[in-house]
């Protein structure tokens, strides 16, 4: 299964949990049924952040599922998660930090960094 199909499967699972039909989902997010089916089946990549946010609202995703949704959308697009793109583009320090981390950081370094930030409240 490729990344677009994984994204589509996640989307389909969450739609089924909410007991929303394909037609109703397409109507609620203002796309054609065919277009929506293409996304769920992995034939199309998920589009922009505004579209993803509409889907998140319709599916009533909690914070954990919302982050997973963004991560899967990014992978399906071969890009950074779309909720992070603007932040990365707007912050020179974040771009520099990520480039340094790409060369030098391991998962343990990231866990420490995350823990330090979470202590800040």
PDB file of N, CA and C in Angstrom:
ATOM      1  N   UNK A   1       0.851  -1.181   0.000  1.00  0.00           N
ATOM      2  CA  UNK A   1       0.000   0.000   0.000  1.00  0.00           C
ATOM      3  C   UNK A   1       0.897   1.245   0.000  1.00  0.00           C
ATOM      4  N   UNK A   2       0.616   2.184  -0.920  1.00  0.00           N
ATOM      5  CA  UNK A   2       1.428   3.401  -0.966  1.00  0.00           C
ATOM      6  C   UNK A   2       0.875   4.456  -0.007  1.00  0.00           C
ATOM      7  N   UNK A   3       1.601   5.555   0.133  1.00  0.00           N
ATOM      8  CA  UNK A   3       1.229   6.587   1.115  1.00  0.00           C
ATOM      9  C   UNK A   3      -0.124   7.236   0.819  1.00  0.00           C
ATOM     10  N   UNK A   4      -0.453   7.412  -0.462  1.00  0.00           N
ATOM     11  CA  UNK A   4      -1.770   7.977  -0.790  1.00  0.00           C
ATOM     12  C   UNK A   4      -2.885   7.017  -0.384  1.00  0.00           C
ATOM     13  N   UNK A   5      -2.648   5.722  -0.576  1.00  0.00           N
ATOM     14  CA  UNK A   5      -3.653   4.730  -0.184  1.00  0.00           C
ATOM     15  C   UNK A   5      -3.793   4.661   1.334  1.00  0.00           C
ATOM     16  N   UNK A   6      -2.694   4.806   2.045  1.00  0.00           N
ATOM     17  CA  UNK A   6      -2.743   4.812   3.513  1.00  0.00           C
ATOM     18  C   UNK A   6      -3.562   6.010   3.999  1.00  0.00           C
ATOM     19  N   UNK A   7      -3.310   7.184   3.396  1.00  0.00           N
ATOM     20  CA  UNK A   7      -4.098   8.369   3.736  1.00  0.00           C
ATOM     21  C   UNK A   7      -5.579   8.113   3.456  1.00  0.00           C
ATOM     22  N   UNK A   8      -5.868   7.589   2.274  1.00  0.00           N
ATOM     23  CA  UNK A   8      -7.248   7.314   1.893  1.00  0.00           C
ATOM     24  C   UNK A   8      -7.931   6.325   2.823  1.00  0.00           C
ATOM     25  N   UNK A   9      -7.210   5.306   3.251  1.00  0.00           N
ATOM     26  CA  UNK A   9      -7.770   4.314   4.182  1.00  0.00           C
ATOM     27  C   UNK A   9      -8.093   4.947   5.529  1.00  0.00           C
ATOM     28  N   UNK A  10      -7.212   5.819   6.005  1.00  0.00           N
ATOM     29  CA  UNK A  10      -7.455   6.528   7.260  1.00  0.00           C
ATOM     30  C   UNK A  10      -8.719   7.381   7.130  1.00  0.00           C
ATOM     31  N   UNK A  11      -8.812   8.104   6.032  1.00  0.00           N
ATOM     32  CA  UNK A  11      -9.958   8.963   5.777  1.00  0.00           C
ATOM     33  C   UNK A  11     -11.249   8.139   5.740  1.00  0.00           C
ATOM     34  N   UNK A  12     -11.220   7.036   5.023  1.00  0.00           N
ATOM     35  CA  UNK A  12     -12.399   6.174   4.903  1.00  0.00           C
ATOM     36  C   UNK A  12     -12.812   5.610   6.257  1.00  0.00           C
ATOM     37  N   UNK A  13     -11.832   5.177   7.047  1.00  0.00           N
ATOM     38  CA  UNK A  13     -12.122   4.635   8.375  1.00  0.00           C
ATOM     39  C   UNK A  13     -12.807   5.681   9.248  1.00  0.00           C
ATOM     40  N   UNK A  14     -12.284   6.896   9.242  1.00  0.00           N
ATOM     41  CA  UNK A  14     -12.866   7.957  10.069  1.00  0.00           C
ATOM     42  C   UNK A  14     -14.262   8.347   9.572  1.00  0.00           C
ATOM     43  N   UNK A  15     -14.463   8.303   8.262  1.00  0.00           N
ATOM     44  CA  UNK A  15     -15.789   8.597   7.710  1.00  0.00           C
ATOM     45  C   UNK A  15     -16.783   7.527   8.159  1.00  0.00           C
ATOM     46  N   UNK A  16     -16.365   6.265   8.114  1.00  0.00           N
ATOM     47  CA  UNK A  16     -17.249   5.175   8.549  1.00  0.00           C
ATOM     48  C   UNK A  16     -17.594   5.292  10.036  1.00  0.00           C
ATOM     49  N   UNK A  17     -16.627   5.682  10.846  1.00  0.00           N
ATOM     50  CA  UNK A  17     -16.886   5.851  12.282  1.00  0.00           C
ATOM     51  C   UNK A  17     -17.996   6.882  12.502  1.00  0.00           C
ATOM     52  N   UNK A  18     -17.984   7.936  11.704  1.00  0.00           N
ATOM     53  CA  UNK A  18     -19.009   8.984  11.820  1.00  0.00           C
ATOM     54  C   UNK A  18     -20.306   8.610  11.097  1.00  0.00           C
ATOM     55  N   UNK A  19     -20.286   7.445  10.444  1.00  0.00           N
ATOM     56  CA  UNK A  19     -21.455   6.965   9.685  1.00  0.00           C
ATOM     57  C   UNK A  19     -21.909   7.973   8.632  1.00  0.00           C
ATOM     58  N   UNK A  20     -20.937   8.477   7.888  1.00  0.00           N
ATOM     59  CA  UNK A  20     -21.197   9.442   6.816  1.00  0.00           C
ATOM     60  C   UNK A  20     -21.023   8.721   5.482  1.00  0.00           C
ATOM     61  N   UNK A  21     -21.988   8.844   4.603  1.00  0.00           N
ATOM     62  CA  UNK A  21     -21.874   8.220   3.287  1.00  0.00           C
ATOM     63  C   UNK A  21     -20.879   9.009   2.428  1.00  0.00           C
ATOM     64  N   UNK A  22     -20.425   8.372   1.369  1.00  0.00           N
ATOM     65  CA  UNK A  22     -19.507   9.041   0.440  1.00  0.00           C
ATOM     66  C   UNK A  22     -20.169  10.296  -0.136  1.00  0.00           C
ATOM     67  N   UNK A  23     -21.423  10.162  -0.570  1.00  0.00           N
ATOM     68  CA  UNK A  23     -22.129  11.302  -1.158  1.00  0.00           C
ATOM     69  C   UNK A  23     -22.270  12.453  -0.157  1.00  0.00           C
ATOM     70  N   UNK A  24     -22.637  12.129   1.064  1.00  0.00           N
ATOM     71  CA  UNK A  24     -22.789  13.158   2.094  1.00  0.00           C
ATOM     72  C   UNK A  24     -21.446  13.820   2.382  1.00  0.00           C
ATOM     73  N   UNK A  25     -20.404  13.024   2.473  1.00  0.00           N
ATOM     74  CA  UNK A  25     -19.070  13.575   2.735  1.00  0.00           C
ATOM     75  C   UNK A  25     -18.666  14.520   1.603  1.00  0.00           C
ATOM     76  N   UNK A  26     -18.834  14.082   0.383  1.00  0.00           N
ATOM     77  CA  UNK A  26     -18.482  14.923  -0.766  1.00  0.00           C
ATOM     78  C   UNK A  26     -19.268  16.233  -0.731  1.00  0.00           C
ATOM     79  N   UNK A  27     -20.547  16.144  -0.426  1.00  0.00           N
ATOM     80  CA  UNK A  27     -21.377  17.357  -0.338  1.00  0.00           C
ATOM     81  C   UNK A  27     -20.878  18.296   0.759  1.00  0.00           C
ATOM     82  N   UNK A  28     -20.558  17.723   1.914  1.00  0.00           N
ATOM     83  CA  UNK A  28     -20.130  18.552   3.047  1.00  0.00           C
ATOM     84  C   UNK A  28     -18.800  19.252   2.806  1.00  0.00           C
ATOM     85  N   UNK A  29     -17.925  18.630   2.015  1.00  0.00           N
ATOM     86  CA  UNK A  29     -16.625  19.265   1.765  1.00  0.00           C
ATOM     87  C   UNK A  29     -16.573  19.941   0.392  1.00  0.00           C
ATOM     88  N   UNK A  30     -17.732  19.950  -0.289  1.00  0.00           N
ATOM     89  CA  UNK A  30     -17.893  20.686  -1.542  1.00  0.00           C
ATOM     90  C   UNK A  30     -16.995  20.181  -2.674  1.00  0.00           C
ATOM     91  N   UNK A  31     -16.978  18.858  -2.860  1.00  0.00           N
ATOM     92  CA  UNK A  31     -16.291  18.241  -3.993  1.00  0.00           C
ATOM     93  C   UNK A  31     -17.238  17.234  -4.631  1.00  0.00           C
ATOM     94  N   UNK A  32     -16.896  16.772  -5.824  1.00  0.00           N
ATOM     95  CA  UNK A  32     -17.719  15.751  -6.464  1.00  0.00           C
ATOM     96  C   UNK A  32     -17.479  14.403  -5.780  1.00  0.00           C
ATOM     97  N   UNK A  33     -18.443  13.519  -5.929  1.00  0.00           N
ATOM     98  CA  UNK A  33     -18.315  12.173  -5.368  1.00  0.00           C
ATOM     99  C   UNK A  33     -17.102  11.473  -5.987  1.00  0.00           C
ATOM    100  N   UNK A  34     -16.924  11.625  -7.291  1.00  0.00           N
ATOM    101  CA  UNK A  34     -15.791  10.988  -7.971  1.00  0.00           C
ATOM    102  C   UNK A  34     -14.448  11.475  -7.433  1.00  0.00           C
ATOM    103  N   UNK A  35     -14.355  12.766  -7.234  1.00  0.00           N
ATOM    104  CA  UNK A  35     -13.117  13.337  -6.702  1.00  0.00           C
ATOM    105  C   UNK A  35     -12.837  12.796  -5.303  1.00  0.00           C
ATOM    106  N   UNK A  36     -13.880  12.790  -4.477  1.00  0.00           N
ATOM    107  CA  UNK A  36     -13.703  12.289  -3.113  1.00  0.00           C
ATOM    108  C   UNK A  36     -13.302  10.806  -3.129  1.00  0.00           C
ATOM    109  N   UNK A  37     -13.966  10.017  -3.956  1.00  0.00           N
ATOM    110  CA  UNK A  37     -13.619   8.588  -4.052  1.00  0.00           C
ATOM    111  C   UNK A  37     -12.173   8.398  -4.500  1.00  0.00           C
ATOM    112  N   UNK A  38     -11.703   9.262  -5.404  1.00  0.00           N
ATOM    113  CA  UNK A  38     -10.309   9.182  -5.853  1.00  0.00           C
ATOM    114  C   UNK A  38      -9.346   9.425  -4.690  1.00  0.00           C
ATOM    115  N   UNK A  39      -9.686  10.340  -3.796  1.00  0.00           N
ATOM    116  CA  UNK A  39      -8.825  10.595  -2.635  1.00  0.00           C
ATOM    117  C   UNK A  39      -8.833   9.390  -1.704  1.00  0.00           C
ATOM    118  N   UNK A  40     -10.016   8.871  -1.400  1.00  0.00           N
ATOM    119  CA  UNK A  40     -10.108   7.720  -0.497  1.00  0.00           C
ATOM    120  C   UNK A  40      -9.414   6.483  -1.060  1.00  0.00           C
ATOM    121  N   UNK A  41      -9.411   6.335  -2.375  1.00  0.00           N
ATOM    122  CA  UNK A  41      -8.804   5.149  -2.981  1.00  0.00           C
ATOM    123  C   UNK A  41      -7.313   5.325  -3.256  1.00  0.00           C
ATOM    124  N   UNK A  42      -6.802   6.540  -3.048  1.00  0.00           N
ATOM    125  CA  UNK A  42      -5.376   6.786  -3.268  1.00  0.00           C
ATOM    126  C   UNK A  42      -5.026   7.144  -4.694  1.00  0.00           C
ATOM    127  N   UNK A  43      -6.031   7.423  -5.536  1.00  0.00           N
ATOM    128  CA  UNK A  43      -5.746   7.832  -6.915  1.00  0.00           C
ATOM    129  C   UNK A  43      -5.388   9.307  -7.024  1.00  0.00           C
ATOM    130  N   UNK A  44      -5.747  10.081  -6.001  1.00  0.00           N
ATOM    131  CA  UNK A  44      -5.409  11.512  -5.953  1.00  0.00           C
ATOM    132  C   UNK A  44      -4.771  11.815  -4.605  1.00  0.00           C
ATOM    133  N   UNK A  45      -3.937  12.815  -4.618  1.00  0.00           N
ATOM    134  CA  UNK A  45      -3.341  13.242  -3.355  1.00  0.00           C
ATOM    135  C   UNK A  45      -4.252  14.258  -2.691  1.00  0.00           C
ATOM    136  N   UNK A  46      -4.231  14.290  -1.357  1.00  0.00           N
ATOM    137  CA  UNK A  46      -5.020  15.304  -0.658  1.00  0.00           C
ATOM    138  C   UNK A  46      -4.490  16.690  -1.008  1.00  0.00           C
ATOM    139  N   UNK A  47      -5.400  17.639  -1.112  1.00  0.00           N
ATOM    140  CA  UNK A  47      -4.966  18.962  -1.549  1.00  0.00           C
ATOM    141  C   UNK A  47      -4.575  19.849  -0.385  1.00  0.00           C
ATOM    142  N   UNK A  48      -4.886  21.089  -0.449  1.00  0.00           N
ATOM    143  CA  UNK A  48      -4.333  22.098   0.455  1.00  0.00           C
ATOM    144  C   UNK A  48      -4.864  22.025   1.888  1.00  0.00           C
ATOM    145  N   UNK A  49      -4.236  22.825   2.719  1.00  0.00           N
ATOM    146  CA  UNK A  49      -4.545  22.852   4.151  1.00  0.00           C
ATOM    147  C   UNK A  49      -5.996  23.250   4.415  1.00  0.00           C
ATOM    148  N   UNK A  50      -6.518  24.215   3.675  1.00  0.00           N
ATOM    149  CA  UNK A  50      -7.912  24.630   3.881  1.00  0.00           C
ATOM    150  C   UNK A  50      -8.865  23.454   3.652  1.00  0.00           C
ATOM    151  N   UNK A  51      -8.621  22.699   2.600  1.00  0.00           N
ATOM    152  CA  UNK A  51      -9.431  21.517   2.303  1.00  0.00           C
ATOM    153  C   UNK A  51      -9.316  20.508   3.443  1.00  0.00           C
ATOM    154  N   UNK A  52      -8.097  20.248   3.882  1.00  0.00           N
ATOM    155  CA  UNK A  52      -7.886  19.281   4.967  1.00  0.00           C
ATOM    156  C   UNK A  52      -8.584  19.729   6.246  1.00  0.00           C
ATOM    157  N   UNK A  53      -8.549  21.023   6.527  1.00  0.00           N
ATOM    158  CA  UNK A  53      -9.218  21.538   7.729  1.00  0.00           C
ATOM    159  C   UNK A  53     -10.736  21.357   7.660  1.00  0.00           C
ATOM    160  N   UNK A  54     -11.308  21.508   6.477  1.00  0.00           N
ATOM    161  CA  UNK A  54     -12.746  21.265   6.311  1.00  0.00           C
ATOM    162  C   UNK A  54     -13.055  19.801   6.601  1.00  0.00           C
ATOM    163  N   UNK A  55     -12.242  18.903   6.063  1.00  0.00           N
ATOM    164  CA  UNK A  55     -12.433  17.466   6.301  1.00  0.00           C
ATOM    165  C   UNK A  55     -12.322  17.154   7.795  1.00  0.00           C
ATOM    166  N   UNK A  56     -11.322  17.734   8.450  1.00  0.00           N
ATOM    167  CA  UNK A  56     -11.128  17.534   9.887  1.00  0.00           C
ATOM    168  C   UNK A  56     -12.377  17.947  10.662  1.00  0.00           C
ATOM    169  N   UNK A  57     -12.954  19.084  10.300  1.00  0.00           N
ATOM    170  CA  UNK A  57     -14.160  19.560  10.986  1.00  0.00           C
ATOM    171  C   UNK A  57     -15.353  18.637  10.739  1.00  0.00           C
ATOM    172  N   UNK A  58     -15.522  18.203   9.499  1.00  0.00           N
ATOM    173  CA  UNK A  58     -16.645  17.314   9.185  1.00  0.00           C
ATOM    174  C   UNK A  58     -16.506  15.995   9.945  1.00  0.00           C
ATOM    175  N   UNK A  59     -15.290  15.471  10.009  1.00  0.00           N
ATOM    176  CA  UNK A  59     -15.069  14.183  10.676  1.00  0.00           C
ATOM    177  C   UNK A  59     -14.913  14.316  12.191  1.00  0.00           C
ATOM    178  N   UNK A  60     -14.861  15.545  12.679  1.00  0.00           N
ATOM    179  CA  UNK A  60     -14.740  15.811  14.114  1.00  0.00           C
ATOM    180  C   UNK A  60     -13.535  15.072  14.723  1.00  0.00           C
ATOM    181  N   UNK A  61     -12.381  15.218  14.064  1.00  0.00           N
ATOM    182  CA  UNK A  61     -11.178  14.532  14.539  1.00  0.00           C
ATOM    183  C   UNK A  61     -10.651  15.172  15.818  1.00  0.00           C
ATOM    184  N   UNK A  62     -10.224  14.342  16.759  1.00  0.00           N
ATOM    185  CA  UNK A  62      -9.588  14.859  17.971  1.00  0.00           C
ATOM    186  C   UNK A  62      -8.144  15.259  17.637  1.00  0.00           C
ATOM    187  N   UNK A  63      -7.447  15.836  18.601  1.00  0.00           N
ATOM    188  CA  UNK A  63      -6.096  16.356  18.336  1.00  0.00           C
ATOM    189  C   UNK A  63      -5.138  15.279  17.831  1.00  0.00           C
ATOM    190  N   UNK A  64      -5.197  14.106  18.421  1.00  0.00           N
ATOM    191  CA  UNK A  64      -4.296  13.021  18.003  1.00  0.00           C
ATOM    192  C   UNK A  64      -4.586  12.606  16.558  1.00  0.00           C
ATOM    193  N   UNK A  65      -5.861  12.406  16.228  1.00  0.00           N
ATOM    194  CA  UNK A  65      -6.221  12.026  14.864  1.00  0.00           C
ATOM    195  C   UNK A  65      -5.934  13.154  13.878  1.00  0.00           C
ATOM    196  N   UNK A  66      -6.100  14.385  14.326  1.00  0.00           N
ATOM    197  CA  UNK A  66      -5.805  15.536  13.477  1.00  0.00           C
ATOM    198  C   UNK A  66      -4.322  15.555  13.098  1.00  0.00           C
ATOM    199  N   UNK A  67      -3.441  15.314  14.064  1.00  0.00           N
ATOM    200  CA  UNK A  67      -2.009  15.268  13.778  1.00  0.00           C
ATOM    201  C   UNK A  67      -1.675  14.106  12.848  1.00  0.00           C
ATOM    202  N   UNK A  68      -2.275  12.949  13.096  1.00  0.00           N
ATOM    203  CA  UNK A  68      -2.063  11.798  12.219  1.00  0.00           C
ATOM    204  C   UNK A  68      -2.536  12.121  10.803  1.00  0.00           C
ATOM    205  N   UNK A  69      -3.701  12.754  10.704  1.00  0.00           N
ATOM    206  CA  UNK A  69      -4.270  13.139   9.418  1.00  0.00           C
ATOM    207  C   UNK A  69      -3.311  14.047   8.644  1.00  0.00           C
ATOM    208  N   UNK A  70      -2.787  15.071   9.313  1.00  0.00           N
ATOM    209  CA  UNK A  70      -1.818  15.973   8.669  1.00  0.00           C
ATOM    210  C   UNK A  70      -0.545  15.222   8.265  1.00  0.00           C
ATOM    211  N   UNK A  71      -0.049  14.360   9.143  1.00  0.00           N
ATOM    212  CA  UNK A  71       1.160  13.601   8.830  1.00  0.00           C
ATOM    213  C   UNK A  71       0.954  12.711   7.604  1.00  0.00           C
ATOM    214  N   UNK A  72      -0.169  12.018   7.556  1.00  0.00           N
ATOM    215  CA  UNK A  72      -0.454  11.145   6.413  1.00  0.00           C
ATOM    216  C   UNK A  72      -0.650  11.956   5.136  1.00  0.00           C
ATOM    217  N   UNK A  73      -1.281  13.111   5.251  1.00  0.00           N
ATOM    218  CA  UNK A  73      -1.462  13.981   4.085  1.00  0.00           C
ATOM    219  C   UNK A  73      -0.106  14.448   3.558  1.00  0.00           C
ATOM    220  N   UNK A  74       0.785  14.816   4.460  1.00  0.00           N
ATOM    221  CA  UNK A  74       2.123  15.228   4.043  1.00  0.00           C
ATOM    222  C   UNK A  74       2.855  14.110   3.333  1.00  0.00           C
ATOM    223  N   UNK A  75       2.817  12.922   3.906  1.00  0.00           N
ATOM    224  CA  UNK A  75       3.483  11.775   3.268  1.00  0.00           C
ATOM    225  C   UNK A  75       2.880  11.485   1.903  1.00  0.00           C
ATOM    226  N   UNK A  76       1.557  11.563   1.810  1.00  0.00           N
ATOM    227  CA  UNK A  76       0.888  11.302   0.532  1.00  0.00           C
ATOM    228  C   UNK A  76       1.304  12.318  -0.529  1.00  0.00           C
ATOM    229  N   UNK A  77       1.642  13.515  -0.085  1.00  0.00           N
ATOM    230  CA  UNK A  77       2.057  14.584  -1.000  1.00  0.00           C
ATOM    231  C   UNK A  77       3.574  14.651  -1.170  1.00  0.00           C
ATOM    232  N   UNK A  78       4.292  13.739  -0.485  1.00  0.00           N
ATOM    233  CA  UNK A  78       5.759  13.764  -0.487  1.00  0.00           C
ATOM    234  C   UNK A  78       6.272  15.109  -0.003  1.00  0.00           C
ATOM    235  N   UNK A  79       5.664  15.600   1.075  1.00  0.00           N
ATOM    236  CA  UNK A  79       5.990  16.920   1.609  1.00  0.00           C
ATOM    237  C   UNK A  79       5.874  16.897   3.127  1.00  0.00           C
ATOM    238  N   UNK A  80       6.243  17.998   3.727  1.00  0.00           N
ATOM    239  CA  UNK A  80       6.054  18.156   5.175  1.00  0.00           C
ATOM    240  C   UNK A  80       4.561  18.166   5.465  1.00  0.00           C
ATOM    241  N   UNK A  81       4.174  17.773   6.674  1.00  0.00           N
ATOM    242  CA  UNK A  81       2.756  17.874   7.027  1.00  0.00           C
ATOM    243  C   UNK A  81       2.269  19.296   6.765  1.00  0.00           C
ATOM    244  N   UNK A  82       1.140  19.437   6.108  1.00  0.00           N
ATOM    245  CA  UNK A  82       0.692  20.769   5.687  1.00  0.00           C
ATOM    246  C   UNK A  82       0.409  21.750   6.812  1.00  0.00           C
ATOM    247  N   UNK A  83       0.171  21.251   8.024  1.00  0.00           N
ATOM    248  CA  UNK A  83      -0.046  22.183   9.133  1.00  0.00           C
ATOM    249  C   UNK A  83       1.264  22.806   9.608  1.00  0.00           C
ATOM    250  N   UNK A  84       2.399  22.248   9.184  1.00  0.00           N
ATOM    251  CA  UNK A  84       3.707  22.767   9.601  1.00  0.00           C
ATOM    252  C   UNK A  84       4.393  23.611   8.532  1.00  0.00           C
ATOM    253  N   UNK A  85       3.946  23.504   7.303  1.00  0.00           N
ATOM    254  CA  UNK A  85       4.629  24.162   6.194  1.00  0.00           C
ATOM    255  C   UNK A  85       4.751  25.665   6.390  1.00  0.00           C
ATOM    256  N   UNK A  86       3.656  26.337   6.718  1.00  0.00           N
ATOM    257  CA  UNK A  86       3.699  27.798   6.897  1.00  0.00           C
ATOM    258  C   UNK A  86       4.647  28.167   8.038  1.00  0.00           C
ATOM    259  N   UNK A  87       4.581  27.425   9.141  1.00  0.00           N
ATOM    260  CA  UNK A  87       5.463  27.709  10.276  1.00  0.00           C
ATOM    261  C   UNK A  87       6.928  27.594   9.851  1.00  0.00           C
ATOM    262  N   UNK A  88       7.251  26.530   9.154  1.00  0.00           N
ATOM    263  CA  UNK A  88       8.636  26.328   8.703  1.00  0.00           C
ATOM    264  C   UNK A  88       9.038  27.436   7.743  1.00  0.00           C
ATOM    265  N   UNK A  89       8.168  27.774   6.811  1.00  0.00           N
ATOM    266  CA  UNK A  89       8.485  28.820   5.836  1.00  0.00           C
ATOM    267  C   UNK A  89       8.607  30.201   6.468  1.00  0.00           C
ATOM    268  N   UNK A  90       7.851  30.446   7.532  1.00  0.00           N
ATOM    269  CA  UNK A  90       7.865  31.762   8.174  1.00  0.00           C
ATOM    270  C   UNK A  90       8.958  31.929   9.222  1.00  0.00           C
ATOM    271  N   UNK A  91       9.587  30.843   9.638  1.00  0.00           N
ATOM    272  CA  UNK A  91      10.585  30.915  10.703  1.00  0.00           C
ATOM    273  C   UNK A  91      11.964  30.503  10.197  1.00  0.00           C
ATOM    274  N   UNK A  92      12.819  31.492  10.043  1.00  0.00           N
ATOM    275  CA  UNK A  92      14.192  31.215   9.604  1.00  0.00           C
ATOM    276  C   UNK A  92      14.886  30.310  10.624  1.00  0.00           C
ATOM    277  N   UNK A  93      14.662  30.562  11.913  1.00  0.00           N
ATOM    278  CA  UNK A  93      15.292  29.750  12.960  1.00  0.00           C
ATOM    279  C   UNK A  93      14.851  28.292  12.874  1.00  0.00           C
ATOM    280  N   UNK A  94      13.569  28.066  12.590  1.00  0.00           N
ATOM    281  CA  UNK A  94      13.076  26.692  12.474  1.00  0.00           C
ATOM    282  C   UNK A  94      13.745  25.985  11.296  1.00  0.00           C
ATOM    283  N   UNK A  95      13.888  26.680  10.179  1.00  0.00           N
ATOM    284  CA  UNK A  95      14.552  26.066   9.017  1.00  0.00           C
ATOM    285  C   UNK A  95      16.004  25.729   9.324  1.00  0.00           C
ATOM    286  N   UNK A  96      16.703  26.649   9.978  1.00  0.00           N
ATOM    287  CA  UNK A  96      18.101  26.402  10.334  1.00  0.00           C
ATOM    288  C   UNK A  96      18.187  25.231  11.307  1.00  0.00           C
ATOM    289  N   UNK A  97      17.323  25.228  12.325  1.00  0.00           N
ATOM    290  CA  UNK A  97      17.333  24.155  13.320  1.00  0.00           C
ATOM    291  C   UNK A  97      17.073  22.799  12.667  1.00  0.00           C
ATOM    292  N   UNK A  98      16.128  22.750  11.757  1.00  0.00           N
ATOM    293  CA  UNK A  98      15.824  21.481  11.091  1.00  0.00           C
ATOM    294  C   UNK A  98      16.981  21.004  10.222  1.00  0.00           C
ATOM    295  N   UNK A  99      17.661  21.930   9.575  1.00  0.00           N
ATOM    296  CA  UNK A  99      18.810  21.526   8.748  1.00  0.00           C
ATOM    297  C   UNK A  99      19.964  21.013   9.607  1.00  0.00           C
ATOM    298  N   UNK A 100      20.194  21.667  10.737  1.00  0.00           N
ATOM    299  CA  UNK A 100      21.229  21.190  11.662  1.00  0.00           C
ATOM    300  C   UNK A 100      20.821  19.831  12.216  1.00  0.00           C
ATOM    301  N   UNK A 101      19.573  19.719  12.625  1.00  0.00           N
ATOM    302  CA  UNK A 101      19.078  18.456  13.192  1.00  0.00           C
ATOM    303  C   UNK A 101      19.162  17.329  12.174  1.00  0.00           C
ATOM    304  N   UNK A 102      18.883  17.633  10.925  1.00  0.00           N
ATOM    305  CA  UNK A 102      18.942  16.620   9.865  1.00  0.00           C
ATOM    306  C   UNK A 102      20.328  15.978   9.807  1.00  0.00           C
ATOM    307  N   UNK A 103      21.343  16.777  10.076  1.00  0.00           N
ATOM    308  CA  UNK A 103      22.726  16.289  10.017  1.00  0.00           C
ATOM    309  C   UNK A 103      23.212  15.686  11.332  1.00  0.00           C
ATOM    310  N   UNK A 104      22.682  16.158  12.462  1.00  0.00           N
ATOM    311  CA  UNK A 104      23.301  15.801  13.735  1.00  0.00           C
ATOM    312  C   UNK A 104      22.393  15.161  14.774  1.00  0.00           C
ATOM    313  N   UNK A 105      21.089  15.361  14.697  1.00  0.00           N
ATOM    314  CA  UNK A 105      20.197  14.915  15.775  1.00  0.00           C
ATOM    315  C   UNK A 105      19.729  13.481  15.558  1.00  0.00           C
ATOM    316  N   UNK A 106      19.520  12.792  16.689  1.00  0.00           N
ATOM    317  CA  UNK A 106      18.897  11.469  16.640  1.00  0.00           C
ATOM    318  C   UNK A 106      17.567  11.549  17.391  1.00  0.00           C
ATOM    319  N   UNK A 107      16.859  10.446  17.466  1.00  0.00           N
ATOM    320  CA  UNK A 107      15.550  10.464  18.128  1.00  0.00           C
ATOM    321  C   UNK A 107      15.651  10.853  19.597  1.00  0.00           C
ATOM    322  N   UNK A 108      16.713  10.451  20.255  1.00  0.00           N
ATOM    323  CA  UNK A 108      16.898  10.809  21.663  1.00  0.00           C
ATOM    324  C   UNK A 108      17.038  12.322  21.822  1.00  0.00           C
ATOM    325  N   UNK A 109      17.773  12.960  20.916  1.00  0.00           N
ATOM    326  CA  UNK A 109      17.900  14.424  20.946  1.00  0.00           C
ATOM    327  C   UNK A 109      16.537  15.092  20.771  1.00  0.00           C
ATOM    328  N   UNK A 110      15.737  14.581  19.843  1.00  0.00           N
ATOM    329  CA  UNK A 110      14.415  15.147  19.603  1.00  0.00           C
ATOM    330  C   UNK A 110      13.508  14.959  20.812  1.00  0.00           C
ATOM    331  N   UNK A 111      13.551  13.786  21.443  1.00  0.00           N
ATOM    332  CA  UNK A 111      12.725  13.538  22.632  1.00  0.00           C
ATOM    333  C   UNK A 111      13.080  14.529  23.740  1.00  0.00           C
ATOM    334  N   UNK A 112      14.374  14.779  23.935  1.00  0.00           N
ATOM    335  CA  UNK A 112      14.807  15.738  24.950  1.00  0.00           C
ATOM    336  C   UNK A 112      14.297  17.137  24.591  1.00  0.00           C
ATOM    337  N   UNK A 113      14.430  17.505  23.347  1.00  0.00           N
ATOM    338  CA  UNK A 113      13.968  18.808  22.883  1.00  0.00           C
ATOM    339  C   UNK A 113      12.459  18.965  23.114  1.00  0.00           C
ATOM    340  N   UNK A 114      11.693  17.950  22.764  1.00  0.00           N
ATOM    341  CA  UNK A 114      10.236  17.982  22.954  1.00  0.00           C
ATOM    342  C   UNK A 114       9.900  18.104  24.436  1.00  0.00           C
ATOM    343  N   UNK A 115      10.558  17.316  25.263  1.00  0.00           N
ATOM    344  CA  UNK A 115      10.309  17.364  26.711  1.00  0.00           C
ATOM    345  C   UNK A 115      10.627  18.742  27.282  1.00  0.00           C
ATOM    346  N   UNK A 116      11.745  19.331  26.834  1.00  0.00           N
ATOM    347  CA  UNK A 116      12.120  20.677  27.303  1.00  0.00           C
ATOM    348  C   UNK A 116      11.053  21.713  26.914  1.00  0.00           C
ATOM    349  N   UNK A 117      10.562  21.620  25.685  1.00  0.00           N
ATOM    350  CA  UNK A 117       9.527  22.559  25.243  1.00  0.00           C
ATOM    351  C   UNK A 117       8.224  22.365  26.009  1.00  0.00           C
ATOM    352  N   UNK A 118       7.862  21.127  26.259  1.00  0.00           N
ATOM    353  CA  UNK A 118       6.613  20.859  26.987  1.00  0.00           C
ATOM    354  C   UNK A 118       6.686  21.355  28.426  1.00  0.00           C
ATOM    355  N   UNK A 119       7.877  21.389  29.021  1.00  0.00           N
ATOM    356  CA  UNK A 119       8.038  21.921  30.379  1.00  0.00           C
ATOM    357  C   UNK A 119       7.757  23.415  30.439  1.00  0.00           C
ATOM    358  N   UNK A 120       7.919  24.097  29.306  1.00  0.00           N
ATOM    359  CA  UNK A 120       7.661  25.535  29.254  1.00  0.00           C
ATOM    360  C   UNK A 120       6.183  25.852  29.405  1.00  0.00           C
ATOM    361  N   UNK A 121       5.336  24.846  29.202  1.00  0.00           N
ATOM    362  CA  UNK A 121       3.904  25.026  29.379  1.00  0.00           C
ATOM    363  C   UNK A 121       3.292  25.467  28.154  1.00  0.00           C
TER     364      UNK A 121
END
